[in-house]
C-alpha atoms as a PDB file:
ATOM      1  CA  MET A   1     101.895  99.988 122.416  1.00  0.00           C
ATOM      2  CA  ASN A   2     101.239 100.150 118.688  1.00  0.00           C
ATOM      3  CA  VAL A   3     103.215  97.922 116.304  1.00  0.00           C
ATOM      4  CA  GLY A   4     103.394  98.787 112.611  1.00  0.00           C
ATOM      5  CA  ILE A   5     103.779  95.793 110.289  1.00  0.00           C
ATOM      6  CA  PHE A   6     105.657  96.062 106.996  1.00  0.00           C
ATOM      7  CA  ALA A   7     105.781  92.847 104.912  1.00  0.00           C
ATOM      8  CA  ASN A   8     107.586  91.846 101.740  1.00  0.00           C
ATOM      9  CA  PRO A   9     104.757  91.143  99.255  1.00  0.00           C
ATOM     10  CA  HIS A  10     107.070  89.002  97.114  1.00  0.00           C
ATOM     11  CA  LYS A  11     108.142  86.685  99.925  1.00  0.00           C
ATOM     12  CA  PRO A  12     106.228  83.373 100.035  1.00  0.00           C
ATOM     13  CA  GLY A  13     104.630  82.999 103.435  1.00  0.00           C
ATOM     14  CA  SER A  14     104.162  86.724 104.082  1.00  0.00           C
ATOM     15  CA  VAL A  15     100.347  86.575 104.328  1.00  0.00           C
ATOM     16  CA  PRO A  16     100.106  83.768 106.916  1.00  0.00           C
ATOM     17  CA  THR A  17     102.956  85.327 108.905  1.00  0.00           C
ATOM     18  CA  VAL A  18     101.159  88.696 109.029  1.00  0.00           C
ATOM     19  CA  GLN A  19      97.980  86.924 110.149  1.00  0.00           C
ATOM     20  CA  THR A  20      99.786  84.962 112.877  1.00  0.00           C
ATOM     21  CA  LEU A  21     101.777  87.965 114.081  1.00  0.00           C
ATOM     22  CA  ARG A  22      98.751  90.247 114.236  1.00  0.00           C
ATOM     23  CA  ALA A  23      96.763  87.655 116.202  1.00  0.00           C
ATOM     24  CA  ALA A  24      99.676  87.103 118.608  1.00  0.00           C
ATOM     25  CA  LEU A  25     100.174  90.834 119.215  1.00  0.00           C
ATOM     26  CA  GLU A  26      96.491  91.612 119.659  1.00  0.00           C
ATOM     27  CA  GLY A  27      96.231  88.658 122.016  1.00  0.00           C
ATOM     28  CA  LYS A  28      98.737  90.486 124.235  1.00  0.00           C
ATOM     29  CA  GLY A  29      96.774  93.741 124.094  1.00  0.00           C
ATOM     30  CA  ILE A  30      99.082  95.369 121.543  1.00  0.00           C
ATOM     31  CA  ARG A  31      97.527  97.484 118.791  1.00  0.00           C
ATOM     32  CA  VAL A  32      98.533  96.720 115.212  1.00  0.00           C
ATOM     33  CA  SER A  33      98.794  98.977 112.149  1.00  0.00           C
ATOM     34  CA  LEU A  34      99.605  97.796 108.625  1.00  0.00           C
ATOM     35  CA  ASP A  35     101.464  99.805 106.037  1.00  0.00           C
ATOM     36  CA  GLU A  36      99.590 100.460 102.799  1.00  0.00           C
ATOM     37  CA  GLU A  37     101.264  97.725 100.752  1.00  0.00           C
ATOM     38  CA  THR A  38     100.805  95.162 103.519  1.00  0.00           C
ATOM     39  CA  ALA A  39      97.125  96.069 103.903  1.00  0.00           C
ATOM     40  CA  ALA A  40      96.668  95.584 100.145  1.00  0.00           C
ATOM     41  CA  LEU A  41      98.522  92.262 100.369  1.00  0.00           C
ATOM     42  CA  MET A  42      96.019  91.155 103.019  1.00  0.00           C
ATOM     43  CA  GLY A  43      93.105  92.242 100.841  1.00  0.00           C
ATOM     44  CA  GLU A  44      92.195  95.049 103.230  1.00  0.00           C
ATOM     45  CA  GLY A  45      91.592  98.748 102.751  1.00  0.00           C
ATOM     46  CA  GLY A  46      93.312 101.474 104.684  1.00  0.00           C
ATOM     47  CA  GLY A  47      96.802 101.103 106.000  1.00  0.00           C
ATOM     48  CA  ILE A  48      99.295 103.891 106.546  1.00  0.00           C
ATOM     49  CA  PRO A  49     102.415 104.784 104.553  1.00  0.00           C
ATOM     50  CA  ALA A  50     105.568 103.169 105.939  1.00  0.00           C
ATOM     51  CA  SER A  51     107.138 106.635 105.805  1.00  0.00           C
ATOM     52  CA  SER A  52     104.651 107.801 108.474  1.00  0.00           C
ATOM     53  CA  PHE A  53     105.407 104.986 110.927  1.00  0.00           C
ATOM     54  CA  ALA A  54     107.602 107.387 112.926  1.00  0.00           C
ATOM     55  CA  GLN A  55     104.524 109.432 113.844  1.00  0.00           C
ATOM     56  CA  ASN A  56     102.094 106.541 114.331  1.00  0.00           C
ATOM     57  CA  VAL A  57     103.745 103.446 115.815  1.00  0.00           C
ATOM     58  CA  ASP A  58     106.103 102.544 118.653  1.00  0.00           C
ATOM     59  CA  VAL A  59     107.775  99.546 116.996  1.00  0.00           C
ATOM     60  CA  ALA A  60     108.094  98.525 113.344  1.00  0.00           C
ATOM     61  CA  ALA A  61     107.885  94.804 112.580  1.00  0.00           C
ATOM     62  CA  VAL A  62     109.394  93.935 109.193  1.00  0.00           C
ATOM     63  CA  ILE A  63     108.423  90.550 107.740  1.00  0.00           C
ATOM     64  CA  GLY A  64     110.689  88.987 105.125  1.00  0.00           C
ATOM     65  CA  GLY A  65     114.412  88.627 105.611  1.00  0.00           C
ATOM     66  CA  ASP A  66     117.635  90.609 105.687  1.00  0.00           C
ATOM     67  CA  GLY A  67     116.929  92.008 102.208  1.00  0.00           C
ATOM     68  CA  THR A  68     113.538  93.266 103.354  1.00  0.00           C
ATOM     69  CA  MET A  69     115.190  94.908 106.367  1.00  0.00           C
ATOM     70  CA  LEU A  70     117.583  96.760 104.057  1.00  0.00           C
ATOM     71  CA  HIS A  71     114.632  97.885 101.946  1.00  0.00           C
ATOM     72  CA  ALA A  72     112.892  99.068 105.120  1.00  0.00           C
ATOM     73  CA  VAL A  73     115.728 101.533 105.803  1.00  0.00           C
ATOM     74  CA  SER A  74     114.607 103.442 102.723  1.00  0.00           C
ATOM     75  CA  ARG A  75     110.861 102.899 103.145  1.00  0.00           C
ATOM     76  CA  LEU A  76     110.691 103.867 106.827  1.00  0.00           C
ATOM     77  CA  GLY A  77     112.647 107.087 106.329  1.00  0.00           C
ATOM     78  CA  ASP A  78     113.585 109.008 109.490  1.00  0.00           C
ATOM     79  CA  PHE A  79     112.540 106.225 111.880  1.00  0.00           C
ATOM     80  CA  GLU A  80     114.636 105.845 115.041  1.00  0.00           C
ATOM     81  CA  LYS A  81     112.251 103.692 117.072  1.00  0.00           C
ATOM     82  CA  PRO A  82     112.881  99.933 117.444  1.00  0.00           C
ATOM     83  CA  VAL A  83     112.702  97.837 114.280  1.00  0.00           C
ATOM     84  CA  ALA A  84     112.114  94.079 114.613  1.00  0.00           C
ATOM     85  CA  GLY A  85     112.827  91.772 111.702  1.00  0.00           C
ATOM     86  CA  ILE A  86     110.812  88.557 111.399  1.00  0.00           C
ATOM     87  CA  ASN A  87     112.488  86.174 109.002  1.00  0.00           C
ATOM     88  CA  ILE A  88     110.460  83.744 106.955  1.00  0.00           C
ATOM     89  CA  GLY A  89     112.733  80.719 107.294  1.00  0.00           C
ATOM     90  CA  THR A  90     116.022  80.720 109.179  1.00  0.00           C
ATOM     91  CA  LEU A  91     117.273  83.513 111.428  1.00  0.00           C
ATOM     92  CA  GLY A  92     119.110  86.283 109.582  1.00  0.00           C
ATOM     93  CA  PHE A  93     121.841  88.657 110.709  1.00  0.00           C
ATOM     94  CA  LEU A  94     119.349  91.547 110.896  1.00  0.00           C
ATOM     95  CA  THR A  95     116.227  89.773 112.086  1.00  0.00           C
ATOM     96  CA  SER A  96     114.900  89.314 115.625  1.00  0.00           C
ATOM     97  CA  CYS A  97     113.194  85.952 115.221  1.00  0.00           C
ATOM     98  CA  THR A  98     111.755  83.535 112.664  1.00  0.00           C
ATOM     99  CA  ASP A  99     108.148  83.209 111.546  1.00  0.00           C
ATOM    100  CA  SER A 100     107.742  80.197 113.834  1.00  0.00           C
ATOM    101  CA  GLU A 101     108.609  82.334 116.878  1.00  0.00           C
ATOM    102  CA  VAL A 102     106.064  85.164 116.566  1.00  0.00           C
ATOM    103  CA  GLY A 103     104.247  84.021 119.717  1.00  0.00           C
ATOM    104  CA  GLU A 104     107.473  84.291 121.686  1.00  0.00           C
ATOM    105  CA  PHE A 105     108.153  87.660 120.051  1.00  0.00           C
ATOM    106  CA  ALA A 106     104.721  89.070 120.998  1.00  0.00           C
ATOM    107  CA  GLU A 107     105.137  87.905 124.576  1.00  0.00           C
ATOM    108  CA  ALA A 108     108.613  89.440 124.860  1.00  0.00           C
ATOM    109  CA  LEU A 109     107.321  92.711 123.418  1.00  0.00           C
ATOM    110  CA  ALA A 110     104.384  92.858 125.838  1.00  0.00           C
ATOM    111  CA  GLU A 111     106.671  92.177 128.803  1.00  0.00           C
ATOM    112  CA  GLY A 112     109.492  94.458 127.680  1.00  0.00           C
ATOM    113  CA  ARG A 113     111.981  91.595 127.415  1.00  0.00           C
ATOM    114  CA  PHE A 114     114.018  92.915 124.532  1.00  0.00           C
ATOM    115  CA  LYS A 115     117.186  94.878 123.841  1.00  0.00           C
ATOM    116  CA  ILE A 116     118.035  97.586 121.324  1.00  0.00           C
ATOM    117  CA  SER A 117     121.120  97.284 119.122  1.00  0.00           C
ATOM    118  CA  ALA A 118     121.866 100.741 117.682  1.00  0.00           C
ATOM    119  CA  ARG A 119     123.378 100.310 114.224  1.00  0.00           C
ATOM    120  CA  THR A 120     125.452 102.888 112.381  1.00  0.00           C
ATOM    121  CA  LEU A 121     124.027 104.247 109.139  1.00  0.00           C
ATOM    122  CA  LEU A 122     126.062 105.677 106.278  1.00  0.00           C
ATOM    123  CA  GLU A 123     125.160 108.905 104.533  1.00  0.00           C
ATOM    124  CA  ALA A 124     126.504 109.011 100.983  1.00  0.00           C
ATOM    125  CA  VAL A 125     126.314 112.179  98.906  1.00  0.00           C
ATOM    126  CA  VAL A 126     126.938 112.013  95.158  1.00  0.00           C
ATOM    127  CA  LEU A 127     128.471 115.237  93.826  1.00  0.00           C
ATOM    128  CA  ARG A 128     128.384 115.783  90.051  1.00  0.00           C
ATOM    129  CA  PRO A 129     129.503 118.945  88.250  1.00  0.00           C
ATOM    130  CA  GLY A 130     126.545 121.129  87.305  1.00  0.00           C
ATOM    131  CA  LYS A 131     123.973 118.913  89.054  1.00  0.00           C
ATOM    132  CA  ASP A 132     122.281 118.948  92.457  1.00  0.00           C
ATOM    133  CA  PRO A 133     123.806 116.661  95.096  1.00  0.00           C
ATOM    134  CA  LEU A 134     122.016 113.364  95.699  1.00  0.00           C
ATOM    135  CA  SER A 135     121.917 111.875  99.201  1.00  0.00           C
ATOM    136  CA  PHE A 136     121.489 108.188 100.111  1.00  0.00           C
ATOM    137  CA  THR A 137     121.341 106.243 103.388  1.00  0.00           C
ATOM    138  CA  ALA A 138     122.845 102.762 103.830  1.00  0.00           C
ATOM    139  CA  LEU A 139     122.728 100.234 106.643  1.00  0.00           C
ATOM    140  CA  ASN A 140     125.209  97.757 105.149  1.00  0.00           C
ATOM    141  CA  GLU A 141     127.397  99.425 102.564  1.00  0.00           C
ATOM    142  CA  VAL A 142     127.889 101.635  99.561  1.00  0.00           C
ATOM    143  CA  THR A 143     129.808 100.303  96.573  1.00  0.00           C
ATOM    144  CA  LEU A 144     131.550 101.857  93.590  1.00  0.00           C
ATOM    145  CA  ALA A 145     132.218  99.119  91.027  1.00  0.00           C
ATOM    146  CA  ARG A 146     132.834  98.452  87.370  1.00  0.00           C
ATOM    147  CA  GLY A 147     129.858  99.039  85.115  1.00  0.00           C
ATOM    148  CA  ASP A 148     129.057  97.316  81.832  1.00  0.00           C
ATOM    149  CA  THR A 149     132.646  96.384  81.075  1.00  0.00           C
ATOM    150  CA  GLY A 150     134.288  93.186  82.238  1.00  0.00           C
ATOM    151  CA  ARG A 151     137.573  94.991  82.867  1.00  0.00           C
ATOM    152  CA  MET A 152     138.799  96.069  86.279  1.00  0.00           C
ATOM    153  CA  VAL A 153     138.671  99.793  86.934  1.00  0.00           C
ATOM    154  CA  SER A 154     140.772 102.488  88.608  1.00  0.00           C
ATOM    155  CA  LEU A 155     139.388 104.230  91.695  1.00  0.00           C
ATOM    156  CA  ILE A 156     140.701 106.833  94.107  1.00  0.00           C
ATOM    157  CA  ALA A 157     139.875 106.767  97.822  1.00  0.00           C
ATOM    158  CA  ARG A 158     140.572 109.690 100.142  1.00  0.00           C
ATOM    159  CA  VAL A 159     140.104 109.887 103.921  1.00  0.00           C
ATOM    160  CA  ASN A 160     139.436 113.349 105.370  1.00  0.00           C
ATOM    161  CA  GLY A 161     140.789 114.829 102.146  1.00  0.00           C
ATOM    162  CA  GLU A 162     144.062 112.874 102.230  1.00  0.00           C
ATOM    163  CA  LEU A 163     144.859 110.316  99.530  1.00  0.00           C
ATOM    164  CA  LEU A 164     144.452 106.789 100.857  1.00  0.00           C
ATOM    165  CA  ASN A 165     145.106 104.789  97.710  1.00  0.00           C
ATOM    166  CA  ARG A 166     144.583 104.376  94.000  1.00  0.00           C
ATOM    167  CA  TYR A 167     142.940 101.002  93.506  1.00  0.00           C
ATOM    168  CA  ARG A 168     142.912  98.748  90.464  1.00  0.00           C
ATOM    169  CA  ALA A 169     140.048  96.387  91.209  1.00  0.00           C
ATOM    170  CA  ASP A 170     136.517  95.352  90.321  1.00  0.00           C
ATOM    171  CA  GLY A 171     135.314  97.941  92.798  1.00  0.00           C
ATOM    172  CA  LEU A 172     135.450  99.284  96.336  1.00  0.00           C
ATOM    173  CA  ILE A 173     133.093  98.838  99.294  1.00  0.00           C
ATOM    174  CA  VAL A 174     132.608 101.186 102.240  1.00  0.00           C
ATOM    175  CA  ALA A 175     130.789  99.175 104.900  1.00  0.00           C
ATOM    176  CA  THR A 176     129.413  99.657 108.399  1.00  0.00           C
ATOM    177  CA  PRO A 177     130.014  97.051 111.125  1.00  0.00           C
ATOM    178  CA  THR A 178     126.553  95.698 110.247  1.00  0.00           C
ATOM    179  CA  GLY A 179     127.659  95.392 106.623  1.00  0.00           C
ATOM    180  CA  SER A 180     130.808  93.494 107.595  1.00  0.00           C
ATOM    181  CA  THR A 181     128.744  90.280 107.416  1.00  0.00           C
ATOM    182  CA  ALA A 182     127.463  91.062 103.912  1.00  0.00           C
ATOM    183  CA  TYR A 183     129.198  92.040 100.638  1.00  0.00           C
ATOM    184  CA  SER A 184     132.390  93.094 102.414  1.00  0.00           C
ATOM    185  CA  LEU A 185     132.738  89.622 103.953  1.00  0.00           C
ATOM    186  CA  SER A 186     132.396  87.919 100.580  1.00  0.00           C
ATOM    187  CA  ALA A 187     135.084  90.270  99.238  1.00  0.00           C
ATOM    188  CA  GLY A 188     137.511  89.176 101.973  1.00  0.00           C
ATOM    189  CA  GLY A 189     136.811  91.796 104.634  1.00  0.00           C
ATOM    190  CA  PRO A 190     136.878  91.043 108.385  1.00  0.00           C
ATOM    191  CA  LEU A 191     133.928  90.531 110.711  1.00  0.00           C
ATOM    192  CA  ILE A 192     133.259  93.568 112.919  1.00  0.00           C
ATOM    193  CA  ALA A 193     131.103  93.659 116.055  1.00  0.00           C
ATOM    194  CA  PRO A 194     128.092  95.998 115.647  1.00  0.00           C
ATOM    195  CA  CYS A 195     129.178  98.216 118.545  1.00  0.00           C
ATOM    196  CA  ALA A 196     132.590  99.029 116.997  1.00  0.00           C
ATOM    197  CA  ALA A 197     132.892 102.677 115.929  1.00  0.00           C
ATOM    198  CA  VAL A 198     134.537 101.950 112.582  1.00  0.00           C
ATOM    199  CA  PHE A 199     133.989 101.821 108.831  1.00  0.00           C
ATOM    200  CA  LEU A 200     135.497  99.249 106.495  1.00  0.00           C
ATOM    201  CA  ILE A 201     137.037  99.990 103.115  1.00  0.00           C
ATOM    202  CA  THR A 202     137.213  96.711 101.213  1.00  0.00           C
ATOM    203  CA  PRO A 203     138.511  96.349  97.638  1.00  0.00           C
ATOM    204  CA  ILE A 204     136.680  93.886  95.376  1.00  0.00           C
ATOM    205  CA  CYS A 205     139.068  91.494  93.592  1.00  0.00           C
ATOM    206  CA  PRO A 206     142.041  93.910  93.669  1.00  0.00           C
ATOM    207  CA  HIS A 207     144.839  93.604  91.087  1.00  0.00           C
ATOM    208  CA  SER A 208     147.425  93.615  93.884  1.00  0.00           C
ATOM    209  CA  LEU A 209     147.178  91.269  96.859  1.00  0.00           C
ATOM    210  CA  SER A 210     148.742  94.015  99.007  1.00  0.00           C
ATOM    211  CA  GLN A 211     145.505  96.008  98.735  1.00  0.00           C
ATOM    212  CA  ARG A 212     143.639  94.757 101.790  1.00  0.00           C
ATOM    213  CA  ALA A 213     140.534  95.763 103.726  1.00  0.00           C
ATOM    214  CA  LEU A 214     141.065  98.700 106.090  1.00  0.00           C
ATOM    215  CA  ALA A 215     139.143  99.623 109.256  1.00  0.00           C
ATOM    216  CA  LEU A 216     139.067 103.315 110.144  1.00  0.00           C
ATOM    217  CA  SER A 217     137.231 105.544 112.604  1.00  0.00           C
ATOM    218  CA  ASP A 218     133.606 106.242 111.742  1.00  0.00           C
ATOM    219  CA  SER A 219     134.293 109.929 112.403  1.00  0.00           C
ATOM    220  CA  CYS A 220     136.159 110.035 109.072  1.00  0.00           C
ATOM    221  CA  VAL A 221     134.804 111.238 105.747  1.00  0.00           C
ATOM    222  CA  VAL A 222     135.624 108.863 102.897  1.00  0.00           C
ATOM    223  CA  GLU A 223     135.675 110.205  99.347  1.00  0.00           C
ATOM    224  CA  LEU A 224     135.466 107.899  96.323  1.00  0.00           C
ATOM    225  CA  SER A 225     135.990 108.878  92.700  1.00  0.00           C
ATOM    226  CA  SER A 226     136.780 107.357  89.322  1.00  0.00           C
ATOM    227  CA  ASP A 227     140.335 107.451  88.021  1.00  0.00           C
ATOM    228  CA  ASP A 228     139.437 105.722  84.771  1.00  0.00           C
ATOM    229  CA  ARG A 229     138.446 107.404  81.502  1.00  0.00           C
ATOM    230  CA  GLU A 230     138.723 104.284  79.343  1.00  0.00           C
ATOM    231  CA  THR A 231     136.188 101.819  80.721  1.00  0.00           C
ATOM    232  CA  GLY A 232     133.118 104.062  80.841  1.00  0.00           C
ATOM    233  CA  PRO A 233     131.006 105.016  83.859  1.00  0.00           C
ATOM    234  CA  MET A 234     131.103 102.974  87.063  1.00  0.00           C
ATOM    235  CA  ILE A 235     128.071 101.813  89.024  1.00  0.00           C
ATOM    236  CA  PHE A 236     127.363 103.232  92.490  1.00  0.00           C
ATOM    237  CA  THR A 237     125.018 101.107  94.642  1.00  0.00           C
ATOM    238  CA  VAL A 238     123.516 101.514  98.118  1.00  0.00           C
ATOM    239  CA  ASP A 239     122.746  98.296 100.034  1.00  0.00           C
ATOM    240  CA  GLY A 240     122.359  96.595  96.649  1.00  0.00           C
ATOM    241  CA  ARG A 241     119.259  98.738  96.171  1.00  0.00           C
ATOM    242  CA  ASP A 242     119.732 102.170  94.591  1.00  0.00           C
ATOM    243  CA  ASN A 243     122.201 102.442  91.735  1.00  0.00           C
ATOM    244  CA  MET A 244     123.474 105.134  89.397  1.00  0.00           C
ATOM    245  CA  HIS A 245     126.314 105.767  86.951  1.00  0.00           C
ATOM    246  CA  ILE A 246     129.419 107.586  88.165  1.00  0.00           C
ATOM    247  CA  GLY A 247     131.780 109.127  85.636  1.00  0.00           C
ATOM    248  CA  PRO A 248     135.099 110.994  85.731  1.00  0.00           C
ATOM    249  CA  GLY A 249     134.689 114.255  87.662  1.00  0.00           C
ATOM    250  CA  ASP A 250     131.975 112.835  89.928  1.00  0.00           C
ATOM    251  CA  ARG A 251     132.669 112.326  93.630  1.00  0.00           C
ATOM    252  CA  ILE A 252     131.002 110.368  96.432  1.00  0.00           C
ATOM    253  CA  GLU A 253     131.376 111.551 100.025  1.00  0.00           C
ATOM    254  CA  VAL A 254     130.580 108.925 102.669  1.00  0.00           C
ATOM    255  CA  ARG A 255     130.187 109.736 106.345  1.00  0.00           C
ATOM    256  CA  LYS A 256     128.379 108.494 109.447  1.00  0.00           C
ATOM    257  CA  SER A 257     124.722 109.498 109.477  1.00  0.00           C
ATOM    258  CA  ASP A 258     123.345 111.629 112.295  1.00  0.00           C
ATOM    259  CA  ARG A 259     120.727 108.961 113.014  1.00  0.00           C
ATOM    260  CA  SER A 260     120.881 105.265 113.851  1.00  0.00           C
ATOM    261  CA  PHE A 261     118.894 102.188 112.873  1.00  0.00           C
ATOM    262  CA  ASN A 262     117.708 100.585 116.113  1.00  0.00           C
ATOM    263  CA  LEU A 263     117.380  96.828 115.773  1.00  0.00           C
ATOM    264  CA  LEU A 264     115.188  95.086 118.316  1.00  0.00           C
ATOM    265  CA  ARG A 265     116.779  91.961 119.779  1.00  0.00           C
ATOM    266  CA  LEU A 266     115.005  89.436 121.979  1.00  0.00           C
ATOM    267  CA  GLY A 267     116.566  89.230 125.426  1.00  0.00           C
ATOM    268  CA  ASP A 268     118.314  85.891 124.921  1.00  0.00           C
ATOM    269  CA  ARG A 269     119.672  86.556 121.404  1.00  0.00           C
ATOM    270  CA  SER A 270     123.035  88.079 120.530  1.00  0.00           C
ATOM    271  CA  PHE A 271     125.170  88.951 117.512  1.00  0.00           C
ATOM    272  CA  TYR A 272     127.683  86.292 118.512  1.00  0.00           C
ATOM    273  CA  GLU A 273     125.022  83.594 118.700  1.00  0.00           C
ATOM    274  CA  THR A 274     123.887  84.549 115.213  1.00  0.00           C
ATOM    275  CA  LEU A 275     127.491  84.383 113.954  1.00  0.00           C
ATOM    276  CA  ARG A 276     127.893  80.865 115.336  1.00  0.00           C
ATOM    277  CA  GLN A 277     124.630  79.765 113.757  1.00  0.00           C
ATOM    278  CA  LYS A 278     124.980  81.426 110.349  1.00  0.00           C
ATOM    279  CA  LEU A 279     128.670  80.675 109.841  1.00  0.00           C
ATOM    280  CA  GLY A 280     128.526  77.175 111.288  1.00  0.00           C
ATOM    281  CA  TRP A 281     131.194  77.713 113.908  1.00  0.00           C
ATOM    282  CA  GLN A 282     131.643  74.442 115.795  1.00  0.00           C
ATOM    283  CA  GLY A 283     134.757  75.097 117.880  1.00  0.00           C
ATOM    284  CA  VAL A 284     137.327  72.355 118.419  1.00  0.00           C
END
């Protein structure tokens, strides 16, 4: 087995965690490759591009946190092998273990004691008159929101070509089940189990309290567009990462991607355990 390590160079503790993880993996007879940025972070030459992990490694280990995992979706490209997140600090929604558990992680990997949680990805295509389409991939969500103005904006959402609603709000989120624990949750959306075959459409601070989050089949195509010529262009964002201006006449088509993001889970960890821990559920 060959494990490719991708670390967040801006995260304090990345260097010692890479050192500890590499030693733990090699101690179990597992080969280790570093991506180019991680090799430079360690003061080493060589390394391979993260975009070539699909051809060179069996498992990608991402060191940082949930934000680093979202960044890895873009950096790893068409990578459908297991991805393990190692959080520096507390356990995240997307990570497999913490930096204090890398010995346990290496042992579980060597013995095959892990599970794969296949996560839905969104494909969003931005269509602008007279310009080439632009395609983006999201693990959590795509968002169309107000831009530089402080005023709420008007948006149109269609599902499979049929009008869903005209929203007056600060914006609109289309989220995967994975993204239900992120921006959509803070905007009042429900929690969705990762295995559910749905998308969420969640308005951000809507003008009307009757405009609620909606779950719909992930076989649908959701179309978002601006219905506002007074407040200037809106901002389209992908996992809080990529962003661009969207004006009247532009459209965004959002659908389920043909590929999945395969999160590696240690055998005794589950989504529900993480919910209890992160949300502080104590029961009665």
